[in-house]
């Protein structure tokens, strides 16, 4: 099970080919599938997220997410000696 309590099931490529409609119905119901080829995990099939639904539970959670992103931007990103700290730094190249 995933952290939302939905079933996560491993299926082979062959099973996907033979039972596509049934497996898609499982995903539509909120479950996740992990595709296996040669005993290795190769892909996850997950339910699509409706972009009209809010991502955050409430306004406080949304503001906390913004604060986390802004803190990362303030610290900047080091790209092997080239540090991006704001939008201007991204485009200022000598």
PDB file of N, CA and C in Angstrom:
ATOM      1  N   UNK A   1       0.839  -1.191   0.000  1.00  0.00           N
ATOM      2  CA  UNK A   1       0.000   0.000   0.000  1.00  0.00           C
ATOM      3  C   UNK A   1       0.880   1.249   0.000  1.00  0.00           C
ATOM      4  N   UNK A   2       0.367   2.295  -0.647  1.00  0.00           N
ATOM      5  CA  UNK A   2       1.105   3.549  -0.630  1.00  0.00           C
ATOM      6  C   UNK A   2       0.690   4.365   0.589  1.00  0.00           C
ATOM      7  N   UNK A   3       1.255   5.577   0.723  1.00  0.00           N
ATOM      8  CA  UNK A   3       0.993   6.383   1.919  1.00  0.00           C
ATOM      9  C   UNK A   3      -0.451   6.872   2.011  1.00  0.00           C
ATOM     10  N   UNK A   4      -1.190   6.862   0.893  1.00  0.00           N
ATOM     11  CA  UNK A   4      -2.604   7.231   0.929  1.00  0.00           C
ATOM     12  C   UNK A   4      -3.501   6.030   1.214  1.00  0.00           C
ATOM     13  N   UNK A   5      -2.907   4.839   1.359  1.00  0.00           N
ATOM     14  CA  UNK A   5      -3.682   3.642   1.656  1.00  0.00           C
ATOM     15  C   UNK A   5      -4.206   2.918   0.433  1.00  0.00           C
ATOM     16  N   UNK A   6      -3.751   3.317  -0.755  1.00  0.00           N
ATOM     17  CA  UNK A   6      -4.179   2.646  -1.975  1.00  0.00           C
ATOM     18  C   UNK A   6      -3.281   1.451  -2.274  1.00  0.00           C
ATOM     19  N   UNK A   7      -3.862   0.476  -2.928  1.00  0.00           N
ATOM     20  CA  UNK A   7      -3.143  -0.736  -3.287  1.00  0.00           C
ATOM     21  C   UNK A   7      -2.072  -0.435  -4.323  1.00  0.00           C
ATOM     22  N   UNK A   8      -0.890  -0.998  -4.145  1.00  0.00           N
ATOM     23  CA  UNK A   8       0.168  -0.945  -5.146  1.00  0.00           C
ATOM     24  C   UNK A   8       0.434  -2.389  -5.533  1.00  0.00           C
ATOM     25  N   UNK A   9       0.241  -2.684  -6.812  1.00  0.00           N
ATOM     26  CA  UNK A   9       0.378  -4.062  -7.252  1.00  0.00           C
ATOM     27  C   UNK A   9       1.403  -4.139  -8.365  1.00  0.00           C
ATOM     28  N   UNK A  10       2.240  -5.181  -8.320  1.00  0.00           N
ATOM     29  CA  UNK A  10       3.223  -5.414  -9.375  1.00  0.00           C
ATOM     30  C   UNK A  10       2.596  -6.279 -10.458  1.00  0.00           C
ATOM     31  N   UNK A  11       2.780  -5.858 -11.709  1.00  0.00           N
ATOM     32  CA  UNK A  11       2.269  -6.633 -12.837  1.00  0.00           C
ATOM     33  C   UNK A  11       3.352  -6.736 -13.902  1.00  0.00           C
ATOM     34  N   UNK A  12       3.356  -7.859 -14.599  1.00  0.00           N
ATOM     35  CA  UNK A  12       4.319  -8.046 -15.682  1.00  0.00           C
ATOM     36  C   UNK A  12       3.816  -7.340 -16.939  1.00  0.00           C
ATOM     37  N   UNK A  13       4.721  -7.113 -17.873  1.00  0.00           N
ATOM     38  CA  UNK A  13       4.349  -6.517 -19.153  1.00  0.00           C
ATOM     39  C   UNK A  13       3.326  -7.415 -19.848  1.00  0.00           C
ATOM     40  N   UNK A  14       3.537  -8.722 -19.782  1.00  0.00           N
ATOM     41  CA  UNK A  14       2.612  -9.671 -20.401  1.00  0.00           C
ATOM     42  C   UNK A  14       1.213  -9.545 -19.795  1.00  0.00           C
ATOM     43  N   UNK A  15       1.135  -9.451 -18.471  1.00  0.00           N
ATOM     44  CA  UNK A  15      -0.164  -9.290 -17.812  1.00  0.00           C
ATOM     45  C   UNK A  15      -0.829  -7.984 -18.247  1.00  0.00           C
ATOM     46  N   UNK A  16      -0.040  -6.929 -18.385  1.00  0.00           N
ATOM     47  CA  UNK A  16      -0.585  -5.653 -18.848  1.00  0.00           C
ATOM     48  C   UNK A  16      -1.160  -5.793 -20.250  1.00  0.00           C
ATOM     49  N   UNK A  17      -0.428  -6.481 -21.126  1.00  0.00           N
ATOM     50  CA  UNK A  17      -0.906  -6.668 -22.497  1.00  0.00           C
ATOM     51  C   UNK A  17      -2.193  -7.490 -22.540  1.00  0.00           C
ATOM     52  N   UNK A  18      -2.299  -8.496 -21.680  1.00  0.00           N
ATOM     53  CA  UNK A  18      -3.448  -9.406 -21.699  1.00  0.00           C
ATOM     54  C   UNK A  18      -4.671  -8.847 -20.969  1.00  0.00           C
ATOM     55  N   UNK A  19      -4.470  -7.945 -20.022  1.00  0.00           N
ATOM     56  CA  UNK A  19      -5.569  -7.464 -19.178  1.00  0.00           C
ATOM     57  C   UNK A  19      -5.586  -5.940 -19.068  1.00  0.00           C
ATOM     58  N   UNK A  20      -5.302  -5.266 -20.172  1.00  0.00           N
ATOM     59  CA  UNK A  20      -5.176  -3.811 -20.149  1.00  0.00           C
ATOM     60  C   UNK A  20      -6.406  -3.117 -19.571  1.00  0.00           C
ATOM     61  N   UNK A  21      -7.585  -3.452 -20.057  1.00  0.00           N
ATOM     62  CA  UNK A  21      -8.802  -2.758 -19.610  1.00  0.00           C
ATOM     63  C   UNK A  21      -9.024  -2.925 -18.112  1.00  0.00           C
ATOM     64  N   UNK A  22      -8.830  -4.144 -17.607  1.00  0.00           N
ATOM     65  CA  UNK A  22      -9.040  -4.387 -16.182  1.00  0.00           C
ATOM     66  C   UNK A  22      -8.022  -3.624 -15.332  1.00  0.00           C
ATOM     67  N   UNK A  23      -6.776  -3.590 -15.798  1.00  0.00           N
ATOM     68  CA  UNK A  23      -5.732  -2.899 -15.040  1.00  0.00           C
ATOM     69  C   UNK A  23      -5.945  -1.387 -15.059  1.00  0.00           C
ATOM     70  N   UNK A  24      -6.386  -0.861 -16.192  1.00  0.00           N
ATOM     71  CA  UNK A  24      -6.688   0.575 -16.258  1.00  0.00           C
ATOM     72  C   UNK A  24      -7.836   0.905 -15.305  1.00  0.00           C
ATOM     73  N   UNK A  25      -8.819   0.020 -15.214  1.00  0.00           N
ATOM     74  CA  UNK A  25      -9.930   0.237 -14.273  1.00  0.00           C
ATOM     75  C   UNK A  25      -9.425   0.274 -12.831  1.00  0.00           C
ATOM     76  N   UNK A  26      -8.438  -0.564 -12.507  1.00  0.00           N
ATOM     77  CA  UNK A  26      -7.847  -0.536 -11.158  1.00  0.00           C
ATOM     78  C   UNK A  26      -7.212   0.820 -10.877  1.00  0.00           C
ATOM     79  N   UNK A  27      -6.489   1.337 -11.872  1.00  0.00           N
ATOM     80  CA  UNK A  27      -5.827   2.632 -11.703  1.00  0.00           C
ATOM     81  C   UNK A  27      -6.873   3.740 -11.585  1.00  0.00           C
ATOM     82  N   UNK A  28      -7.925   3.664 -12.385  1.00  0.00           N
ATOM     83  CA  UNK A  28      -9.003   4.660 -12.285  1.00  0.00           C
ATOM     84  C   UNK A  28      -9.644   4.648 -10.902  1.00  0.00           C
ATOM     85  N   UNK A  29      -9.635   3.482 -10.256  1.00  0.00           N
ATOM     86  CA  UNK A  29     -10.208   3.353  -8.912  1.00  0.00           C
ATOM     87  C   UNK A  29      -9.272   3.898  -7.834  1.00  0.00           C
ATOM     88  N   UNK A  30      -8.079   4.353  -8.237  1.00  0.00           N
ATOM     89  CA  UNK A  30      -7.152   4.957  -7.282  1.00  0.00           C
ATOM     90  C   UNK A  30      -5.954   4.108  -6.925  1.00  0.00           C
ATOM     91  N   UNK A  31      -5.863   2.905  -7.474  1.00  0.00           N
ATOM     92  CA  UNK A  31      -4.724   2.035  -7.166  1.00  0.00           C
ATOM     93  C   UNK A  31      -3.556   2.312  -8.098  1.00  0.00           C
ATOM     94  N   UNK A  32      -2.382   1.905  -7.668  1.00  0.00           N
ATOM     95  CA  UNK A  32      -1.153   2.092  -8.441  1.00  0.00           C
ATOM     96  C   UNK A  32      -0.655   0.741  -8.925  1.00  0.00           C
ATOM     97  N   UNK A  33      -0.042   0.734 -10.102  1.00  0.00           N
ATOM     98  CA  UNK A  33       0.566  -0.480 -10.633  1.00  0.00           C
ATOM     99  C   UNK A  33       2.049  -0.237 -10.835  1.00  0.00           C
ATOM    100  N   UNK A  34       2.845  -1.242 -10.540  1.00  0.00           N
ATOM    101  CA  UNK A  34       4.270  -1.204 -10.837  1.00  0.00           C
ATOM    102  C   UNK A  34       4.527  -2.245 -11.911  1.00  0.00           C
ATOM    103  N   UNK A  35       5.067  -1.816 -13.052  1.00  0.00           N
ATOM    104  CA  UNK A  35       5.367  -2.743 -14.138  1.00  0.00           C
ATOM    105  C   UNK A  35       6.721  -3.395 -13.910  1.00  0.00           C
ATOM    106  N   UNK A  36       6.747  -4.704 -14.118  1.00  0.00           N
ATOM    107  CA  UNK A  36       7.957  -5.494 -13.915  1.00  0.00           C
ATOM    108  C   UNK A  36       8.365  -6.122 -15.240  1.00  0.00           C
ATOM    109  N   UNK A  37       9.636  -6.003 -15.594  1.00  0.00           N
ATOM    110  CA  UNK A  37      10.185  -6.674 -16.778  1.00  0.00           C
ATOM    111  C   UNK A  37      11.483  -7.341 -16.358  1.00  0.00           C
ATOM    112  N   UNK A  38      11.563  -8.628 -16.586  1.00  0.00           N
ATOM    113  CA  UNK A  38      12.774  -9.364 -16.228  1.00  0.00           C
ATOM    114  C   UNK A  38      13.079  -9.289 -14.746  1.00  0.00           C
ATOM    115  N   UNK A  39      12.042  -9.231 -13.926  1.00  0.00           N
ATOM    116  CA  UNK A  39      12.225  -9.172 -12.482  1.00  0.00           C
ATOM    117  C   UNK A  39      12.590  -7.800 -11.941  1.00  0.00           C
ATOM    118  N   UNK A  40      12.657  -6.795 -12.826  1.00  0.00           N
ATOM    119  CA  UNK A  40      13.022  -5.443 -12.386  1.00  0.00           C
ATOM    120  C   UNK A  40      11.860  -4.484 -12.585  1.00  0.00           C
ATOM    121  N   UNK A  41      11.744  -3.577 -11.653  1.00  0.00           N
ATOM    122  CA  UNK A  41      10.725  -2.529 -11.731  1.00  0.00           C
ATOM    123  C   UNK A  41      11.113  -1.561 -12.845  1.00  0.00           C
ATOM    124  N   UNK A  42      10.194  -1.333 -13.790  1.00  0.00           N
ATOM    125  CA  UNK A  42      10.521  -0.451 -14.910  1.00  0.00           C
ATOM    126  C   UNK A  42       9.633   0.790 -14.986  1.00  0.00           C
ATOM    127  N   UNK A  43       8.441   0.733 -14.394  1.00  0.00           N
ATOM    128  CA  UNK A  43       7.549   1.897 -14.483  1.00  0.00           C
ATOM    129  C   UNK A  43       6.437   1.787 -13.454  1.00  0.00           C
ATOM    130  N   UNK A  44       5.885   2.940 -13.112  1.00  0.00           N
ATOM    131  CA  UNK A  44       4.706   2.993 -12.253  1.00  0.00           C
ATOM    132  C   UNK A  44       3.564   3.593 -13.060  1.00  0.00           C
ATOM    133  N   UNK A  45       2.400   3.008 -12.926  1.00  0.00           N
ATOM    134  CA  UNK A  45       1.192   3.570 -13.523  1.00  0.00           C
ATOM    135  C   UNK A  45       0.347   4.058 -12.361  1.00  0.00           C
ATOM    136  N   UNK A  46       0.090   5.356 -12.355  1.00  0.00           N
ATOM    137  CA  UNK A  46      -0.598   5.972 -11.214  1.00  0.00           C
ATOM    138  C   UNK A  46      -1.824   6.730 -11.702  1.00  0.00           C
ATOM    139  N   UNK A  47      -2.803   6.914 -10.830  1.00  0.00           N
ATOM    140  CA  UNK A  47      -3.985   7.681 -11.221  1.00  0.00           C
ATOM    141  C   UNK A  47      -3.603   9.112 -11.593  1.00  0.00           C
ATOM    142  N   UNK A  48      -4.274   9.635 -12.581  1.00  0.00           N
ATOM    143  CA  UNK A  48      -4.057  11.014 -12.988  1.00  0.00           C
ATOM    144  C   UNK A  48      -4.647  11.948 -11.935  1.00  0.00           C
ATOM    145  N   UNK A  49      -3.999  13.088 -11.749  1.00  0.00           N
ATOM    146  CA  UNK A  49      -4.474  14.070 -10.780  1.00  0.00           C
ATOM    147  C   UNK A  49      -5.244  15.144 -11.528  1.00  0.00           C
ATOM    148  N   UNK A  50      -6.452  15.420 -11.090  1.00  0.00           N
ATOM    149  CA  UNK A  50      -7.266  16.471 -11.689  1.00  0.00           C
ATOM    150  C   UNK A  50      -6.662  17.815 -11.304  1.00  0.00           C
ATOM    151  N   UNK A  51      -6.195  18.559 -12.301  1.00  0.00           N
ATOM    152  CA  UNK A  51      -5.512  19.825 -12.008  1.00  0.00           C
ATOM    153  C   UNK A  51      -6.453  20.878 -11.436  1.00  0.00           C
ATOM    154  N   UNK A  52      -7.759  20.655 -11.506  1.00  0.00           N
ATOM    155  CA  UNK A  52      -8.679  21.627 -10.919  1.00  0.00           C
ATOM    156  C   UNK A  52      -8.838  21.422  -9.415  1.00  0.00           C
ATOM    157  N   UNK A  53      -8.380  20.270  -8.918  1.00  0.00           N
ATOM    158  CA  UNK A  53      -8.461  20.015  -7.480  1.00  0.00           C
ATOM    159  C   UNK A  53      -7.277  20.670  -6.779  1.00  0.00           C
ATOM    160  N   UNK A  54      -7.486  21.232  -5.602  1.00  0.00           N
ATOM    161  CA  UNK A  54      -6.362  21.842  -4.882  1.00  0.00           C
ATOM    162  C   UNK A  54      -5.324  20.791  -4.488  1.00  0.00           C
ATOM    163  N   UNK A  55      -4.065  21.169  -4.576  1.00  0.00           N
ATOM    164  CA  UNK A  55      -2.974  20.274  -4.211  1.00  0.00           C
ATOM    165  C   UNK A  55      -2.815  20.234  -2.697  1.00  0.00           C
ATOM    166  N   UNK A  56      -3.094  21.349  -2.038  1.00  0.00           N
ATOM    167  CA  UNK A  56      -2.884  21.457  -0.602  1.00  0.00           C
ATOM    168  C   UNK A  56      -4.193  21.262   0.142  1.00  0.00           C
ATOM    169  N   UNK A  57      -4.091  20.782   1.367  1.00  0.00           N
ATOM    170  CA  UNK A  57      -5.288  20.565   2.188  1.00  0.00           C
ATOM    171  C   UNK A  57      -5.932  21.868   2.622  1.00  0.00           C
ATOM    172  N   UNK A  58      -5.091  22.879   2.869  1.00  0.00           N
ATOM    173  CA  UNK A  58      -5.631  24.155   3.333  1.00  0.00           C
ATOM    174  C   UNK A  58      -4.641  25.264   2.999  1.00  0.00           C
ATOM    175  N   UNK A  59      -5.023  26.474   3.306  1.00  0.00           N
ATOM    176  CA  UNK A  59      -4.195  27.639   2.992  1.00  0.00           C
ATOM    177  C   UNK A  59      -2.866  27.606   3.733  1.00  0.00           C
ATOM    178  N   UNK A  60      -2.872  27.129   4.970  1.00  0.00           N
ATOM    179  CA  UNK A  60      -1.630  27.053   5.743  1.00  0.00           C
ATOM    180  C   UNK A  60      -0.623  26.129   5.064  1.00  0.00           C
ATOM    181  N   UNK A  61      -1.088  24.990   4.586  1.00  0.00           N
ATOM    182  CA  UNK A  61      -0.185  24.058   3.906  1.00  0.00           C
ATOM    183  C   UNK A  61       0.365  24.676   2.620  1.00  0.00           C
ATOM    184  N   UNK A  62      -0.476  25.415   1.886  1.00  0.00           N
ATOM    185  CA  UNK A  62      -0.029  26.091   0.665  1.00  0.00           C
ATOM    186  C   UNK A  62       1.052  27.121   0.975  1.00  0.00           C
ATOM    187  N   UNK A  63       0.845  27.914   2.022  1.00  0.00           N
ATOM    188  CA  UNK A  63       1.830  28.932   2.399  1.00  0.00           C
ATOM    189  C   UNK A  63       3.137  28.303   2.873  1.00  0.00           C
ATOM    190  N   UNK A  64       3.061  27.182   3.571  1.00  0.00           N
ATOM    191  CA  UNK A  64       4.274  26.478   4.000  1.00  0.00           C
ATOM    192  C   UNK A  64       5.062  25.983   2.789  1.00  0.00           C
ATOM    193  N   UNK A  65       4.364  25.500   1.772  1.00  0.00           N
ATOM    194  CA  UNK A  65       5.040  25.039   0.557  1.00  0.00           C
ATOM    195  C   UNK A  65       5.751  26.202  -0.134  1.00  0.00           C
ATOM    196  N   UNK A  66       5.096  27.349  -0.192  1.00  0.00           N
ATOM    197  CA  UNK A  66       5.716  28.532  -0.789  1.00  0.00           C
ATOM    198  C   UNK A  66       6.956  28.930   0.003  1.00  0.00           C
ATOM    199  N   UNK A  67       6.871  28.913   1.325  1.00  0.00           N
ATOM    200  CA  UNK A  67       8.026  29.251   2.165  1.00  0.00           C
ATOM    201  C   UNK A  67       9.198  28.312   1.893  1.00  0.00           C
ATOM    202  N   UNK A  68       8.927  27.010   1.735  1.00  0.00           N
ATOM    203  CA  UNK A  68      10.005  26.046   1.467  1.00  0.00           C
ATOM    204  C   UNK A  68      10.680  26.334   0.129  1.00  0.00           C
ATOM    205  N   UNK A  69       9.885  26.648  -0.880  1.00  0.00           N
ATOM    206  CA  UNK A  69      10.448  26.959  -2.192  1.00  0.00           C
ATOM    207  C   UNK A  69      11.265  28.243  -2.128  1.00  0.00           C
ATOM    208  N   UNK A  70      10.744  29.258  -1.465  1.00  0.00           N
ATOM    209  CA  UNK A  70      11.462  30.526  -1.367  1.00  0.00           C
ATOM    210  C   UNK A  70      12.778  30.370  -0.615  1.00  0.00           C
ATOM    211  N   UNK A  71      12.801  29.548   0.426  1.00  0.00           N
ATOM    212  CA  UNK A  71      14.043  29.302   1.166  1.00  0.00           C
ATOM    213  C   UNK A  71      15.076  28.638   0.265  1.00  0.00           C
ATOM    214  N   UNK A  72      14.652  27.687  -0.538  1.00  0.00           N
ATOM    215  CA  UNK A  72      15.579  27.039  -1.481  1.00  0.00           C
ATOM    216  C   UNK A  72      16.123  28.055  -2.475  1.00  0.00           C
ATOM    217  N   UNK A  73      15.268  28.952  -2.943  1.00  0.00           N
ATOM    218  CA  UNK A  73      15.726  29.975  -3.879  1.00  0.00           C
ATOM    219  C   UNK A  73      16.703  30.937  -3.216  1.00  0.00           C
ATOM    220  N   UNK A  74      16.457  31.310  -1.956  1.00  0.00           N
ATOM    221  CA  UNK A  74      17.380  32.206  -1.246  1.00  0.00           C
ATOM    222  C   UNK A  74      18.759  31.569  -1.085  1.00  0.00           C
ATOM    223  N   UNK A  75      18.787  30.271  -0.801  1.00  0.00           N
ATOM    224  CA  UNK A  75      20.072  29.572  -0.660  1.00  0.00           C
ATOM    225  C   UNK A  75      20.774  29.454  -2.003  1.00  0.00           C
ATOM    226  N   UNK A  76      20.010  29.364  -3.066  1.00  0.00           N
ATOM    227  CA  UNK A  76      20.572  29.250  -4.403  1.00  0.00           C
ATOM    228  C   UNK A  76      20.944  27.817  -4.741  1.00  0.00           C
ATOM    229  N   UNK A  77      21.260  27.621  -6.001  1.00  0.00           N
ATOM    230  CA  UNK A  77      21.652  26.311  -6.494  1.00  0.00           C
ATOM    231  C   UNK A  77      23.058  26.403  -7.057  1.00  0.00           C
ATOM    232  N   UNK A  78      23.927  25.533  -6.606  1.00  0.00           N
ATOM    233  CA  UNK A  78      25.306  25.506  -7.075  1.00  0.00           C
ATOM    234  C   UNK A  78      25.406  24.527  -8.238  1.00  0.00           C
ATOM    235  N   UNK A  79      25.748  25.038  -9.391  1.00  0.00           N
ATOM    236  CA  UNK A  79      25.880  24.198 -10.577  1.00  0.00           C
ATOM    237  C   UNK A  79      27.346  24.133 -10.990  1.00  0.00           C
ATOM    238  N   UNK A  80      28.152  23.533 -10.139  1.00  0.00           N
ATOM    239  CA  UNK A  80      29.567  23.373 -10.452  1.00  0.00           C
ATOM    240  C   UNK A  80      30.306  24.686 -10.568  1.00  0.00           C
ATOM    241  N   UNK A  81      30.139  25.554  -9.598  1.00  0.00           N
ATOM    242  CA  UNK A  81      30.835  26.828  -9.603  1.00  0.00           C
ATOM    243  C   UNK A  81      29.960  27.986 -10.041  1.00  0.00           C
ATOM    244  N   UNK A  82      28.903  27.710 -10.757  1.00  0.00           N
ATOM    245  CA  UNK A  82      27.965  28.746 -11.179  1.00  0.00           C
ATOM    246  C   UNK A  82      26.773  28.675 -10.248  1.00  0.00           C
ATOM    247  N   UNK A  83      26.592  29.693  -9.403  1.00  0.00           N
ATOM    248  CA  UNK A  83      25.527  29.656  -8.408  1.00  0.00           C
ATOM    249  C   UNK A  83      24.375  30.554  -8.829  1.00  0.00           C
ATOM    250  N   UNK A  84      23.195  29.962  -8.860  1.00  0.00           N
ATOM    251  CA  UNK A  84      21.988  30.708  -9.215  1.00  0.00           C
ATOM    252  C   UNK A  84      21.292  31.118  -7.929  1.00  0.00           C
ATOM    253  N   UNK A  85      21.169  32.429  -7.719  1.00  0.00           N
ATOM    254  CA  UNK A  85      20.487  32.921  -6.519  1.00  0.00           C
ATOM    255  C   UNK A  85      19.226  33.709  -6.857  1.00  0.00           C
ATOM    256  N   UNK A  86      19.087  34.106  -8.118  1.00  0.00           N
ATOM    257  CA  UNK A  86      17.874  34.793  -8.545  1.00  0.00           C
ATOM    258  C   UNK A  86      17.745  34.677 -10.061  1.00  0.00           C
ATOM    259  N   UNK A  87      16.684  35.200 -10.578  1.00  0.00           N
ATOM    260  CA  UNK A  87      16.421  35.098 -12.011  1.00  0.00           C
ATOM    261  C   UNK A  87      17.492  35.795 -12.839  1.00  0.00           C
ATOM    262  N   UNK A  88      17.964  36.945 -12.384  1.00  0.00           N
ATOM    263  CA  UNK A  88      18.986  37.671 -13.127  1.00  0.00           C
ATOM    264  C   UNK A  88      20.274  36.869 -13.233  1.00  0.00           C
ATOM    265  N   UNK A  89      20.646  36.182 -12.157  1.00  0.00           N
ATOM    266  CA  UNK A  89      21.871  35.378 -12.181  1.00  0.00           C
ATOM    267  C   UNK A  89      21.773  34.255 -13.202  1.00  0.00           C
ATOM    268  N   UNK A  90      20.573  33.781 -13.441  1.00  0.00           N
ATOM    269  CA  UNK A  90      20.381  32.709 -14.406  1.00  0.00           C
ATOM    270  C   UNK A  90      20.741  33.175 -15.810  1.00  0.00           C
ATOM    271  N   UNK A  91      20.449  34.441 -16.116  1.00  0.00           N
ATOM    272  CA  UNK A  91      20.666  34.946 -17.465  1.00  0.00           C
ATOM    273  C   UNK A  91      21.947  35.754 -17.631  1.00  0.00           C
ATOM    274  N   UNK A  92      22.594  36.167 -16.532  1.00  0.00           N
ATOM    275  CA  UNK A  92      23.842  36.924 -16.607  1.00  0.00           C
ATOM    276  C   UNK A  92      25.004  35.969 -16.774  1.00  0.00           C
ATOM    277  N   UNK A  93      25.494  35.866 -17.984  1.00  0.00           N
ATOM    278  CA  UNK A  93      26.654  35.000 -18.235  1.00  0.00           C
ATOM    279  C   UNK A  93      27.727  35.832 -18.917  1.00  0.00           C
ATOM    280  N   UNK A  94      28.902  35.740 -18.396  1.00  0.00           N
ATOM    281  CA  UNK A  94      30.023  36.516 -18.975  1.00  0.00           C
ATOM    282  C   UNK A  94      30.716  35.731 -20.049  1.00  0.00           C
TER     283      UNK A  94
END
